[in-house]
């Protein structure tokens, strides 16, 4: 607790600290480019283990193709809106 009898002249006053006008930003040290094919090799091996034709997916596709209500009208509308909003590549300058 600070005594009310203490003189404010006796208290230590902090000295001002100078702050640099502009902060120094260090550029990150350049790192050499590197490529790791370890993950790619793993993915290729996993892909090779998968069957080329998955009968359950073919069956599901055939069921959907035979369904006159597929795709839902709302989905068709949404896809059509996205196509209409998309830029036409034939109108772009080369």
Protein backbone atom coordinates (compact mmCIF):
# COMPACT_ATOMS: atom_id res chain seq x y z
CA UNK A 1 0.00 0.00 0.00
CA UNK A 2 1.24 3.49 -0.75
CA UNK A 3 1.33 5.81 2.21
CA UNK A 4 -0.50 9.09 1.82
CA UNK A 5 2.43 10.73 3.58
CA UNK A 6 4.87 9.83 0.80
CA UNK A 7 6.01 12.65 -1.42
CA UNK A 8 5.30 12.36 -5.15
CA UNK A 9 8.73 13.88 -5.81
CA UNK A 10 10.42 10.82 -4.35
CA UNK A 11 8.68 8.32 -6.60
CA UNK A 12 10.67 7.11 -9.54
CA UNK A 13 9.47 8.25 -12.90
CA UNK A 14 9.88 6.07 -15.94
CA UNK A 15 12.17 7.43 -18.58
CA UNK A 16 10.69 7.80 -22.03
CA UNK A 17 11.44 4.95 -24.39
CA UNK A 18 12.30 5.83 -27.94
CA UNK A 19 10.35 3.91 -30.56
CA UNK A 20 11.80 3.52 -34.04
CA UNK A 21 9.82 5.45 -36.63
CA UNK A 22 9.53 2.47 -38.96
CA UNK A 23 9.51 -1.16 -37.96
CA UNK A 24 12.07 -3.35 -39.60
CA UNK A 25 10.61 -6.24 -41.58
CA UNK A 26 12.94 -9.07 -42.37
CA UNK A 27 12.45 -10.92 -45.60
CA UNK A 28 12.17 -14.66 -45.08
CA UNK A 29 15.27 -16.57 -46.01
CA UNK A 30 14.85 -18.14 -49.45
CA UNK A 31 14.32 -21.87 -49.33
CA UNK A 32 15.27 -24.15 -52.18
CA UNK A 33 12.42 -25.72 -54.11
CA UNK A 34 11.77 -29.33 -53.28
CA UNK A 35 9.41 -32.01 -54.53
CA UNK A 36 8.38 -35.12 -52.68
CA UNK A 37 6.91 -37.96 -54.71
CA UNK A 38 6.34 -40.14 -51.66
CA UNK A 39 2.68 -39.16 -51.35
CA UNK A 40 2.13 -39.47 -55.11
CA UNK A 41 3.52 -43.00 -55.07
CA UNK A 42 1.16 -43.92 -52.22
CA UNK A 43 -1.82 -42.49 -54.11
CA UNK A 44 -0.87 -44.36 -57.29
CA UNK A 45 -0.62 -47.63 -55.33
CA UNK A 46 -4.04 -47.06 -53.73
CA UNK A 47 -5.55 -46.22 -57.11
CA UNK A 48 -4.11 -49.42 -58.60
CA UNK A 49 -5.83 -51.42 -55.83
CA UNK A 50 -9.26 -50.08 -56.80
CA UNK A 51 -11.28 -51.93 -59.44
CA UNK A 52 -11.55 -50.13 -62.77
CA UNK A 53 -15.31 -50.74 -62.92
CA UNK A 54 -17.38 -50.63 -59.75
CA UNK A 55 -20.59 -52.61 -60.36
CA UNK A 56 -22.52 -50.89 -57.52
CA UNK A 57 -21.82 -47.47 -59.06
CA UNK A 58 -22.87 -48.68 -62.52
CA UNK A 59 -26.11 -50.08 -61.05
CA UNK A 60 -26.85 -46.78 -59.29
CA UNK A 61 -26.20 -44.85 -62.50
CA UNK A 62 -28.55 -47.08 -64.46
CA UNK A 63 -31.26 -46.60 -61.81
CA UNK A 64 -30.90 -42.82 -61.95
CA UNK A 65 -30.92 -42.80 -65.76
CA UNK A 66 -34.19 -44.77 -65.78
CA UNK A 67 -35.85 -42.42 -63.27
CA UNK A 68 -37.82 -39.73 -65.19
CA UNK A 69 -37.84 -37.50 -62.07
CA UNK A 70 -34.03 -37.43 -61.91
CA UNK A 71 -32.53 -34.93 -61.65
CA UNK A 72 -34.98 -32.86 -59.66
CA UNK A 73 -36.35 -29.78 -61.47
CA UNK A 74 -34.77 -27.49 -58.84
CA UNK A 75 -31.34 -28.97 -59.56
CA UNK A 76 -31.80 -28.53 -63.31
CA UNK A 77 -32.85 -24.90 -62.75
CA UNK A 78 -29.85 -24.22 -60.51
CA UNK A 79 -27.39 -25.71 -63.01
CA UNK A 80 -29.01 -23.75 -65.85
CA UNK A 81 -28.63 -20.50 -63.87
CA UNK A 82 -24.95 -21.21 -63.28
CA UNK A 83 -24.41 -21.90 -66.99
CA UNK A 84 -26.18 -18.66 -67.95
CA UNK A 85 -24.10 -16.63 -65.47
CA UNK A 86 -20.80 -18.13 -66.58
CA UNK A 87 -18.50 -16.21 -68.91
CA UNK A 88 -18.61 -17.31 -72.53
CA UNK A 89 -15.06 -18.41 -73.44
CA UNK A 90 -15.71 -17.71 -77.13
CA UNK A 91 -16.20 -14.01 -76.29
CA UNK A 92 -12.89 -13.66 -74.46
CA UNK A 93 -9.96 -11.93 -76.10
CA UNK A 94 -6.94 -14.06 -76.77
